[in-house]
C-alpha atoms as a PDB file:
ATOM      1  CA  MET A   1      32.679   9.456   9.616  1.00  0.00           C
ATOM      2  CA  ALA A   2      29.972   7.482   9.951  1.00  0.00           C
ATOM      3  CA  ASN A   3      26.630   8.458   7.616  1.00  0.00           C
ATOM      4  CA  PRO A   4      23.503   9.121   9.816  1.00  0.00           C
ATOM      5  CA  SER A   5      21.530   7.105   7.550  1.00  0.00           C
ATOM      6  CA  GLU A   6      23.468   4.243   9.155  1.00  0.00           C
ATOM      7  CA  SER A   7      21.346   4.156  12.306  1.00  0.00           C
ATOM      8  CA  THR A   8      17.873   4.449  10.669  1.00  0.00           C
ATOM      9  CA  LEU A   9      14.676   3.518  12.807  1.00  0.00           C
ATOM     10  CA  VAL A  10      11.365   2.207   9.759  1.00  0.00           C
ATOM     11  CA  ILE A  11       8.076   3.026  11.794  1.00  0.00           C
ATOM     12  CA  ILE A  12       5.426   1.775  10.377  1.00  0.00           C
ATOM     13  CA  PRO A  13       1.888   1.792  12.346  1.00  0.00           C
ATOM     14  CA  THR A  14      -0.551  -0.886  12.070  1.00  0.00           C
ATOM     15  CA  TYR A  15      -4.316  -1.619  12.645  1.00  0.00           C
ATOM     16  CA  ASN A  16      -5.375  -4.798  10.615  1.00  0.00           C
ATOM     17  CA  GLU A  17      -2.894  -4.766   8.345  1.00  0.00           C
ATOM     18  CA  ILE A  18      -2.777  -8.873   8.804  1.00  0.00           C
ATOM     19  CA  GLU A  19      -2.769  -9.662   5.045  1.00  0.00           C
ATOM     20  CA  ASN A  20       0.210  -5.960   4.513  1.00  0.00           C
ATOM     21  CA  LEU A  21       2.208  -6.718   6.748  1.00  0.00           C
ATOM     22  CA  PRO A  22       3.962 -10.115   5.973  1.00  0.00           C
ATOM     23  CA  ARG A  23       4.809  -8.422   2.871  1.00  0.00           C
ATOM     24  CA  ILE A  24       6.066  -5.223   3.644  1.00  0.00           C
ATOM     25  CA  SER A  25       7.889  -6.062   6.468  1.00  0.00           C
ATOM     26  CA  LYS A  26      10.117  -8.592   3.350  1.00  0.00           C
ATOM     27  CA  ARG A  27       9.979  -5.900   1.701  1.00  0.00           C
ATOM     28  CA  VAL A  28      11.919  -3.560   3.792  1.00  0.00           C
ATOM     29  CA  LEU A  29      14.479  -5.464   5.274  1.00  0.00           C
ATOM     30  CA  GLU A  30      15.061  -6.538   1.899  1.00  0.00           C
ATOM     31  CA  ALA A  31      15.422  -2.917   0.682  1.00  0.00           C
ATOM     32  CA  THR A  32      17.821  -1.139   3.642  1.00  0.00           C
ATOM     33  CA  ALA A  33      20.061  -2.254   6.675  1.00  0.00           C
ATOM     34  CA  VAL A  34      17.592  -0.459   8.630  1.00  0.00           C
ATOM     35  CA  ASP A  35      15.448  -1.173  11.726  1.00  0.00           C
ATOM     36  CA  LEU A  36      11.893  -1.779  12.113  1.00  0.00           C
ATOM     37  CA  LEU A  37       9.591  -0.652  14.531  1.00  0.00           C
ATOM     38  CA  ILE A  38       5.890  -1.703  14.110  1.00  0.00           C
ATOM     39  CA  VAL A  39       3.430   0.163  16.599  1.00  0.00           C
ATOM     40  CA  ASP A  40       0.470  -1.869  16.170  1.00  0.00           C
ATOM     41  CA  ASP A  41      -2.865  -0.126  17.954  1.00  0.00           C
ATOM     42  CA  SER A  42      -4.204  -3.728  19.333  1.00  0.00           C
ATOM     43  CA  SER A  43      -6.005  -4.767  15.718  1.00  0.00           C
ATOM     44  CA  PRO A  44      -8.341  -7.673  16.383  1.00  0.00           C
ATOM     45  CA  ASP A  45      -7.127  -9.725  13.548  1.00  0.00           C
ATOM     46  CA  GLY A  46      -4.210 -10.829  14.573  1.00  0.00           C
ATOM     47  CA  THR A  47      -2.089  -8.023  13.158  1.00  0.00           C
ATOM     48  CA  GLY A  48       0.209  -7.701  16.474  1.00  0.00           C
ATOM     49  CA  GLU A  49       0.878 -11.896  16.747  1.00  0.00           C
ATOM     50  CA  ALA A  50       2.108 -12.078  12.921  1.00  0.00           C
ATOM     51  CA  ALA A  51       4.368  -9.068  14.032  1.00  0.00           C
ATOM     52  CA  ASP A  52       5.531 -10.756  17.075  1.00  0.00           C
ATOM     53  CA  LYS A  53       6.491 -13.861  15.368  1.00  0.00           C
ATOM     54  CA  LEU A  54       8.306 -11.363  12.940  1.00  0.00           C
ATOM     55  CA  ALA A  55      10.297 -10.142  15.530  1.00  0.00           C
ATOM     56  CA  ALA A  56      11.158 -13.422  16.772  1.00  0.00           C
ATOM     57  CA  GLU A  57      12.614 -14.613  13.751  1.00  0.00           C
ATOM     58  CA  ASN A  58      14.363 -11.253  12.813  1.00  0.00           C
ATOM     59  CA  GLU A  59      16.738  -8.825  15.605  1.00  0.00           C
ATOM     60  CA  ARG A  60      16.168  -6.226  13.302  1.00  0.00           C
ATOM     61  CA  VAL A  61      12.238  -6.069  14.025  1.00  0.00           C
ATOM     62  CA  HIS A  62      10.862  -4.843  16.783  1.00  0.00           C
ATOM     63  CA  VAL A  63       7.072  -4.589  18.714  1.00  0.00           C
ATOM     64  CA  LEU A  64       5.515  -1.827  20.373  1.00  0.00           C
ATOM     65  CA  HIS A  65       1.901  -3.088  21.595  1.00  0.00           C
ATOM     66  CA  ARG A  66      -0.105  -0.082  22.529  1.00  0.00           C
ATOM     67  CA  THR A  67      -3.609  -0.604  23.925  1.00  0.00           C
ATOM     68  CA  GLU A  68      -5.702   2.250  23.297  1.00  0.00           C
ATOM     69  CA  LYS A  69      -6.574   2.979  19.727  1.00  0.00           C
ATOM     70  CA  THR A  70      -5.213   6.853  19.495  1.00  0.00           C
ATOM     71  CA  GLY A  71      -4.489   7.490  15.947  1.00  0.00           C
ATOM     72  CA  LEU A  72      -2.156   7.870  13.357  1.00  0.00           C
ATOM     73  CA  LEU A  73      -0.335  10.855  15.393  1.00  0.00           C
ATOM     74  CA  GLY A  74      -0.333   8.972  19.073  1.00  0.00           C
ATOM     75  CA  ALA A  75       1.668   5.814  16.844  1.00  0.00           C
ATOM     76  CA  TYR A  76       4.080   7.485  15.764  1.00  0.00           C
ATOM     77  CA  LEU A  77       4.778   9.712  18.593  1.00  0.00           C
ATOM     78  CA  ALA A  78       4.677   6.208  20.504  1.00  0.00           C
ATOM     79  CA  GLY A  79       7.154   5.117  17.593  1.00  0.00           C
ATOM     80  CA  PHE A  80       9.373   8.351  18.002  1.00  0.00           C
ATOM     81  CA  ARG A  81       9.359   8.303  21.825  1.00  0.00           C
ATOM     82  CA  TRP A  82      10.707   4.798  21.438  1.00  0.00           C
ATOM     83  CA  GLY A  83      13.505   6.044  18.816  1.00  0.00           C
ATOM     84  CA  LEU A  84      15.003   8.027  20.702  1.00  0.00           C
ATOM     85  CA  GLU A  85      15.257   6.528  23.320  1.00  0.00           C
ATOM     86  CA  ARG A  86      17.368   3.740  21.745  1.00  0.00           C
ATOM     87  CA  GLU A  87      19.455   7.319  20.424  1.00  0.00           C
ATOM     88  CA  TYR A  88      18.237   6.259  16.367  1.00  0.00           C
ATOM     89  CA  ASP A  89      19.816   8.838  14.581  1.00  0.00           C
ATOM     90  CA  VAL A  90      17.311   9.354  11.906  1.00  0.00           C
ATOM     91  CA  LEU A  91      13.154   8.059  12.411  1.00  0.00           C
ATOM     92  CA  VAL A  92      11.356   7.530   9.058  1.00  0.00           C
ATOM     93  CA  GLU A  93       7.612   7.037   8.731  1.00  0.00           C
ATOM     94  CA  MET A  94       6.259   4.171   6.609  1.00  0.00           C
ATOM     95  CA  ASP A  95       2.635   3.375   5.629  1.00  0.00           C
ATOM     96  CA  ALA A  96       1.930  -0.663   6.124  1.00  0.00           C
ATOM     97  CA  ASP A  97      -0.108  -0.792   3.130  1.00  0.00           C
ATOM     98  CA  GLY A  98       2.817  -1.136   0.385  1.00  0.00           C
ATOM     99  CA  SER A  99       1.620   2.831  -0.798  1.00  0.00           C
ATOM    100  CA  HIS A 100       5.153   3.517   0.006  1.00  0.00           C
ATOM    101  CA  ALA A 101       7.769   1.483  -1.993  1.00  0.00           C
ATOM    102  CA  PRO A 102      10.783   0.162   0.511  1.00  0.00           C
ATOM    103  CA  GLU A 103      12.718   0.299  -2.501  1.00  0.00           C
ATOM    104  CA  GLN A 104      13.456   4.032  -2.812  1.00  0.00           C
ATOM    105  CA  LEU A 105      13.824   4.508   0.770  1.00  0.00           C
ATOM    106  CA  HIS A 106      17.410   5.170   0.083  1.00  0.00           C
ATOM    107  CA  ARG A 107      16.380   8.272  -1.678  1.00  0.00           C
ATOM    108  CA  LEU A 108      15.261   9.941   1.840  1.00  0.00           C
ATOM    109  CA  LEU A 109      18.042   8.368   3.117  1.00  0.00           C
ATOM    110  CA  ASP A 110      20.528   9.638   0.046  1.00  0.00           C
ATOM    111  CA  GLN A 111      19.954  13.266   0.972  1.00  0.00           C
ATOM    112  CA  ILE A 112      20.103  12.764   4.754  1.00  0.00           C
ATOM    113  CA  ASP A 113      23.765  11.695   4.475  1.00  0.00           C
ATOM    114  CA  GLU A 114      23.902  14.929   2.008  1.00  0.00           C
ATOM    115  CA  GLY A 115      23.000  16.913   5.096  1.00  0.00           C
ATOM    116  CA  ALA A 116      19.252  17.280   5.234  1.00  0.00           C
ATOM    117  CA  ASP A 117      17.769  17.387   8.103  1.00  0.00           C
ATOM    118  CA  MET A 118      13.798  16.522   6.531  1.00  0.00           C
ATOM    119  CA  VAL A 119      13.270  14.903   3.266  1.00  0.00           C
ATOM    120  CA  ILE A 120       9.392  14.188   2.639  1.00  0.00           C
ATOM    121  CA  GLY A 121       8.409  11.436  -0.150  1.00  0.00           C
ATOM    122  CA  SER A 122       6.845  13.915  -2.881  1.00  0.00           C
ATOM    123  CA  ARG A 123       4.862  12.659  -5.023  1.00  0.00           C
ATOM    124  CA  TYR A 124       4.192  15.816  -6.833  1.00  0.00           C
ATOM    125  CA  VAL A 125       7.550  16.958  -7.502  1.00  0.00           C
ATOM    126  CA  ASP A 126       9.545  16.477 -10.864  1.00  0.00           C
ATOM    127  CA  GLY A 127       9.466  12.727 -11.302  1.00  0.00           C
ATOM    128  CA  GLY A 128       6.859  11.624  -8.608  1.00  0.00           C
ATOM    129  CA  GLU A 129       3.469  10.315 -10.007  1.00  0.00           C
ATOM    130  CA  VAL A 130       0.449   8.109  -7.938  1.00  0.00           C
ATOM    131  CA  VAL A 131      -0.017   4.848  -9.397  1.00  0.00           C
ATOM    132  CA  ASN A 132      -4.347   3.429  -9.131  1.00  0.00           C
ATOM    133  CA  TRP A 133      -5.827   6.388  -7.219  1.00  0.00           C
ATOM    134  CA  PRO A 134      -9.695   8.043  -8.804  1.00  0.00           C
ATOM    135  CA  THR A 135      -9.317  11.008 -10.617  1.00  0.00           C
ATOM    136  CA  GLN A 136     -11.716  12.890  -6.879  1.00  0.00           C
ATOM    137  CA  ARG A 137      -8.859  11.402  -4.747  1.00  0.00           C
ATOM    138  CA  PHE A 138      -6.089  12.531  -6.833  1.00  0.00           C
ATOM    139  CA  VAL A 139      -7.260  15.744  -7.647  1.00  0.00           C
ATOM    140  CA  LEU A 140      -8.454  16.274  -3.854  1.00  0.00           C
ATOM    141  CA  SER A 141      -4.940  15.368  -2.918  1.00  0.00           C
ATOM    142  CA  LYS A 142      -3.259  17.933  -5.331  1.00  0.00           C
ATOM    143  CA  GLY A 143      -5.363  20.347  -5.107  1.00  0.00           C
ATOM    144  CA  GLY A 144      -5.447  20.361  -1.275  1.00  0.00           C
ATOM    145  CA  ASN A 145      -1.254  20.200  -1.200  1.00  0.00           C
ATOM    146  CA  LEU A 146      -1.270  23.674  -3.992  1.00  0.00           C
ATOM    147  CA  TYR A 147      -3.981  25.387  -0.905  1.00  0.00           C
ATOM    148  CA  ILE A 148      -1.471  24.563   1.902  1.00  0.00           C
ATOM    149  CA  SER A 149       1.737  25.561   0.043  1.00  0.00           C
ATOM    150  CA  ALA A 150      -0.100  29.140  -1.033  1.00  0.00           C
ATOM    151  CA  ALA A 151      -1.363  29.474   2.647  1.00  0.00           C
ATOM    152  CA  LEU A 152       1.726  28.283   4.479  1.00  0.00           C
ATOM    153  CA  GLY A 153       4.786  30.004   1.884  1.00  0.00           C
ATOM    154  CA  ALA A 154       7.015  26.715   3.224  1.00  0.00           C
ATOM    155  CA  GLY A 155       8.699  26.167  -0.506  1.00  0.00           C
ATOM    156  CA  LEU A 156       6.738  22.270   0.039  1.00  0.00           C
ATOM    157  CA  SER A 157       4.673  20.401  -2.476  1.00  0.00           C
ATOM    158  CA  ASP A 158       3.710  17.525  -0.542  1.00  0.00           C
ATOM    159  CA  MET A 159       3.573  18.852   2.934  1.00  0.00           C
ATOM    160  CA  THR A 160       0.851  16.064   3.835  1.00  0.00           C
ATOM    161  CA  ALA A 161       2.926  13.249   2.621  1.00  0.00           C
ATOM    162  CA  GLY A 162       3.187  10.159   4.861  1.00  0.00           C
ATOM    163  CA  TYR A 163       7.257   8.746   3.992  1.00  0.00           C
ATOM    164  CA  ARG A 164       9.062  11.166   5.117  1.00  0.00           C
ATOM    165  CA  ALA A 165      12.525  10.649   6.936  1.00  0.00           C
ATOM    166  CA  MET A 166      14.051  13.190   9.744  1.00  0.00           C
ATOM    167  CA  ARG A 167      17.164  13.515  11.543  1.00  0.00           C
ATOM    168  CA  ARG A 168      16.507  13.381  15.426  1.00  0.00           C
ATOM    169  CA  GLU A 169      17.384  16.117  15.859  1.00  0.00           C
ATOM    170  CA  VAL A 170      13.896  17.988  14.124  1.00  0.00           C
ATOM    171  CA  LEU A 171      12.023  15.552  16.501  1.00  0.00           C
ATOM    172  CA  GLU A 172      13.834  16.958  19.759  1.00  0.00           C
ATOM    173  CA  THR A 173      12.807  20.289  18.451  1.00  0.00           C
ATOM    174  CA  ILE A 174       9.625  20.987  16.673  1.00  0.00           C
ATOM    175  CA  GLY A 175       7.318  20.188  19.988  1.00  0.00           C
ATOM    176  CA  LEU A 176       6.239  16.613  19.709  1.00  0.00           C
ATOM    177  CA  ASP A 177       3.463  17.220  22.357  1.00  0.00           C
ATOM    178  CA  GLU A 178       2.065  20.346  20.908  1.00  0.00           C
ATOM    179  CA  LEU A 179       1.058  18.658  16.862  1.00  0.00           C
ATOM    180  CA  SER A 180      -2.500  19.244  15.917  1.00  0.00           C
ATOM    181  CA  ASN A 181      -4.370  16.370  15.796  1.00  0.00           C
ATOM    182  CA  ALA A 182      -6.977  17.667  13.771  1.00  0.00           C
ATOM    183  CA  GLY A 183      -7.734  14.877  10.735  1.00  0.00           C
ATOM    184  CA  TYR A 184      -4.124  13.844   9.329  1.00  0.00           C
ATOM    185  CA  ILE A 185      -3.011  17.377   9.316  1.00  0.00           C
ATOM    186  CA  PHE A 186      -0.129  16.108  11.923  1.00  0.00           C
ATOM    187  CA  GLN A 187       2.220  15.568   8.740  1.00  0.00           C
ATOM    188  CA  VAL A 188       1.871  19.508   7.705  1.00  0.00           C
ATOM    189  CA  ASP A 189       2.541  20.668  11.127  1.00  0.00           C
ATOM    190  CA  MET A 190       5.577  18.522  11.697  1.00  0.00           C
ATOM    191  CA  ALA A 191       6.880  20.328   7.717  1.00  0.00           C
ATOM    192  CA  PHE A 192       6.097  23.077   8.974  1.00  0.00           C
ATOM    193  CA  ARG A 193       7.306  23.753  11.884  1.00  0.00           C
ATOM    194  CA  ALA A 194      10.600  22.115  10.971  1.00  0.00           C
ATOM    195  CA  VAL A 195      10.475  25.348   8.157  1.00  0.00           C
ATOM    196  CA  GLN A 196       9.790  27.333  10.794  1.00  0.00           C
ATOM    197  CA  ASN A 197      12.486  26.356  12.869  1.00  0.00           C
ATOM    198  CA  GLY A 198      15.655  26.501   9.988  1.00  0.00           C
ATOM    199  CA  PHE A 199      16.128  22.979   9.698  1.00  0.00           C
ATOM    200  CA  ASP A 200      16.788  21.880   6.360  1.00  0.00           C
ATOM    201  CA  VAL A 201      13.842  20.179   4.417  1.00  0.00           C
ATOM    202  CA  ARG A 202      13.992  18.850   1.237  1.00  0.00           C
ATOM    203  CA  GLU A 203      11.676  16.357  -0.972  1.00  0.00           C
ATOM    204  CA  VAL A 204      12.680  13.706  -3.333  1.00  0.00           C
ATOM    205  CA  PRO A 205       9.566  11.966  -6.002  1.00  0.00           C
ATOM    206  CA  ILE A 206       8.855   9.143  -4.996  1.00  0.00           C
ATOM    207  CA  THR A 207       6.187   6.750  -6.280  1.00  0.00           C
ATOM    208  CA  PHE A 208       2.594   6.554  -4.591  1.00  0.00           C
ATOM    209  CA  THR A 209       0.607   3.008  -5.190  1.00  0.00           C
ATOM    210  CA  GLU A 210      -2.930   2.620  -3.445  1.00  0.00           C
ATOM    211  CA  ARG A 211      -3.284   0.111  -1.457  1.00  0.00           C
ATOM    212  CA  GLU A 212      -4.144  -3.616  -2.184  1.00  0.00           C
ATOM    213  CA  TYR A 213      -5.354  -5.441   0.472  1.00  0.00           C
ATOM    214  CA  GLY A 214      -7.237  -4.068   3.245  1.00  0.00           C
ATOM    215  CA  GLU A 215      -9.262  -1.163   3.764  1.00  0.00           C
ATOM    216  CA  SER A 216      -8.137   2.626   4.198  1.00  0.00           C
ATOM    217  CA  LYS A 217      -8.178   4.573   7.304  1.00  0.00           C
ATOM    218  CA  LEU A 218      -8.812   7.586   6.127  1.00  0.00           C
ATOM    219  CA  ASP A 219     -12.801   9.252   5.809  1.00  0.00           C
ATOM    220  CA  GLY A 220     -13.595  12.226   4.600  1.00  0.00           C
ATOM    221  CA  SER A 221     -13.607  14.798   7.767  1.00  0.00           C
ATOM    222  CA  PHE A 222     -10.080  14.900   7.786  1.00  0.00           C
ATOM    223  CA  VAL A 223     -10.638  17.058   4.434  1.00  0.00           C
ATOM    224  CA  LYS A 224     -12.231  19.642   6.640  1.00  0.00           C
ATOM    225  CA  ASP A 225     -10.562  19.359   9.644  1.00  0.00           C
ATOM    226  CA  SER A 226      -7.403  19.741   8.223  1.00  0.00           C
ATOM    227  CA  LEU A 227      -8.029  22.247   5.814  1.00  0.00           C
ATOM    228  CA  LEU A 228     -10.110  24.658   8.821  1.00  0.00           C
ATOM    229  CA  GLU A 229      -6.473  23.654  10.458  1.00  0.00           C
ATOM    230  CA  VAL A 230      -4.437  25.260   7.663  1.00  0.00           C
ATOM    231  CA  THR A 231      -6.487  28.530   7.258  1.00  0.00           C
ATOM    232  CA  LYS A 232      -5.574  29.611  10.337  1.00  0.00           C
ATOM    233  CA  TRP A 233      -1.909  28.699  10.493  1.00  0.00           C
ATOM    234  CA  GLY A 234      -1.929  31.067   7.222  1.00  0.00           C
ATOM    235  CA  VAL A 235      -3.720  33.642   8.761  1.00  0.00           C
ATOM    236  CA  SER A 236      -1.716  34.046  11.696  1.00  0.00           C
ATOM    237  CA  HIS A 237       1.942  33.241  10.004  1.00  0.00           C
ATOM    238  CA  ARG A 238       1.224  35.632   6.529  1.00  0.00           C
ATOM    239  CA  THR A 239       0.060  38.678   9.205  1.00  0.00           C
ATOM    240  CA  GLU A 240       2.971  38.043  11.411  1.00  0.00           C
ATOM    241  CA  GLN A 241       4.544  38.294   8.332  1.00  0.00           C
ATOM    242  CA  VAL A 242       3.020  41.859   8.087  1.00  0.00           C
ATOM    243  CA  ARG A 243       3.153  42.943  11.603  1.00  0.00           C
ATOM    244  CA  ASN A 244       7.044  42.099  10.820  1.00  0.00           C
ATOM    245  CA  LEU A 245       7.660  43.542   7.791  1.00  0.00           C
ATOM    246  CA  ALA A 246       5.626  46.866   9.613  1.00  0.00           C
ATOM    247  CA  VAL A 247       8.067  46.770  12.084  1.00  0.00           C
ATOM    248  CA  ALA A 248      11.215  46.313  10.244  1.00  0.00           C
ATOM    249  CA  LEU A 249      10.328  49.443   7.716  1.00  0.00           C
ATOM    250  CA  GLY A 250       8.864  51.611  11.107  1.00  0.00           C
ATOM    251  CA  ASP A 251      13.298  50.740  12.188  1.00  0.00           C
ATOM    252  CA  LEU A 252      14.303  51.777   9.255  1.00  0.00           C
ATOM    253  CA  GLY A 253      11.831  54.956   9.417  1.00  0.00           C
ATOM    254  CA  MET A 254      13.593  55.834  12.598  1.00  0.00           C
ATOM    255  CA  TYR A 255      16.707  55.738  10.936  1.00  0.00           C
ATOM    256  CA  GLN A 256      16.631  56.830   7.970  1.00  0.00           C
ATOM    257  CA  TYR A 257      15.007  60.168   8.948  1.00  0.00           C
ATOM    258  CA  ARG A 258      16.187  60.746  12.323  1.00  0.00           C
ATOM    259  CA  LYS A 259      18.350  63.908  11.210  1.00  0.00           C
ATOM    260  CA  SER A 260      15.449  65.467   9.816  1.00  0.00           C
ATOM    261  CA  SER A 261      14.738  68.643   9.708  1.00  0.00           C
ATOM    262  CA  LEU A 262      11.044  67.689   9.849  1.00  0.00           C
ATOM    263  CA  PRO A 263       9.927  67.527  13.936  1.00  0.00           C
ATOM    264  CA  GLY A 264       7.718  64.736  14.210  1.00  0.00           C
ATOM    265  CA  VAL A 265       8.890  63.264  11.340  1.00  0.00           C
ATOM    266  CA  PRO A 266      10.386  59.685  11.887  1.00  0.00           C
ATOM    267  CA  SER A 267       7.749  59.301  15.011  1.00  0.00           C
ATOM    268  CA  ARG A 268       4.844  59.522  12.854  1.00  0.00           C
ATOM    269  CA  ILE A 269       6.316  57.337  10.199  1.00  0.00           C
ATOM    270  CA  ALA A 270       7.513  54.424  12.906  1.00  0.00           C
ATOM    271  CA  GLN A 271       3.986  54.424  14.715  1.00  0.00           C
ATOM    272  CA  SER A 272       1.879  54.324  11.397  1.00  0.00           C
ATOM    273  CA  LEU A 273       3.589  51.463  10.420  1.00  0.00           C
ATOM    274  CA  ARG A 274       3.442  49.907  13.560  1.00  0.00           C
ATOM    275  CA  ASN A 275      -0.031  50.574  13.838  1.00  0.00           C
ATOM    276  CA  ALA A 276      -0.792  49.267  10.221  1.00  0.00           C
ATOM    277  CA  GLY A 277       1.345  45.490  11.545  1.00  0.00           C
ATOM    278  CA  ASP A 278      -1.284  45.985  14.793  1.00  0.00           C
ATOM    279  CA  PHE A 279      -4.136  46.325  12.652  1.00  0.00           C
ATOM    280  CA  ALA A 280      -2.941  43.013  10.721  1.00  0.00           C
ATOM    281  CA  VAL A 281      -2.973  41.465  14.426  1.00  0.00           C
ATOM    282  CA  SER A 282      -6.569  41.971  15.091  1.00  0.00           C
ATOM    283  CA  THR A 283      -7.391  41.607  11.770  1.00  0.00           C
ATOM    284  CA  ARG A 284      -6.259  37.934  11.832  1.00  0.00           C
ATOM    285  CA  GLU A 285      -7.694  37.395  15.649  1.00  0.00           C
ATOM    286  CA  LEU A 286     -11.310  38.295  13.934  1.00  0.00           C
ATOM    287  CA  ILE A 287     -10.298  35.170  11.409  1.00  0.00           C
ATOM    288  CA  GLU A 288      -9.821  32.855  14.160  1.00  0.00           C
ATOM    289  CA  TYR A 289     -12.567  33.880  16.037  1.00  0.00           C
ATOM    290  CA  GLU A 290     -14.729  33.069  12.386  1.00  0.00           C
ATOM    291  CA  LEU A 291     -13.330  29.659  12.006  1.00  0.00           C
ATOM    292  CA  LYS A 292     -13.602  28.779  15.534  1.00  0.00           C
ATOM    293  CA  LYS A 293     -17.515  29.667  15.349  1.00  0.00           C
ATOM    294  CA  ARG A 294     -18.246  27.449  11.842  1.00  0.00           C
ATOM    295  CA  ARG A 295     -15.763  24.108  12.996  1.00  0.00           C
END
């Protein structure tokens, strides 16, 4: 039986990556036997034309030109749909700037072949590292991921990472059209939805290297937007856990005291616990309202 990774599409979104594209494409094609899809958002520097040239020279390279620039999420959604329509079993996200080493892609794909549904190339598990990052950016990224992990309780160390491999079933299940477009938080959203849907999500260590050529597409606003969004999810998720626990304890109380000789005890215990759950939901809604006003 063939391994899922034998049908893999690597998706690389581009915008003004004329210097990086030939380098990253060559590395991808030499590192693994995968197909490559370049999703270009009408780059004015000629990246799209360079991608067409690469595709003409190698049948494993494909190009998707987009006429509107709707950000990284829009580019990936277009790439996912392109790959799903062509029956690829595994789809991979990878940056064009060389920060994600194609030579380490086998680490992600090996885990897919061993049964994982989503594999994240992580900077913050044992063996992961970051190269050439300013201290401020490292602290911001590491701190943000610690906050996200605590807020959502997903058990993952690097939910913002953009180097990941996914089985097609994950993308077909998590609701791509519902992903958050606040900053770059869709990466967190995808991983969290995968966990909530019961998929096997794993992390493997990678070396993240800061780009050498071109300009970063990140700006400071994505941090605020992303963390506000995560705070809302965290409040909602934790509150739902509290409510479910309260209901479960109420049901347990009913079961344990059903034959009790004390009239009304079971129902009063159960109702009190359910009231606690309802209070938690009301608190969540109030916090979400206050967060929305502050955006």
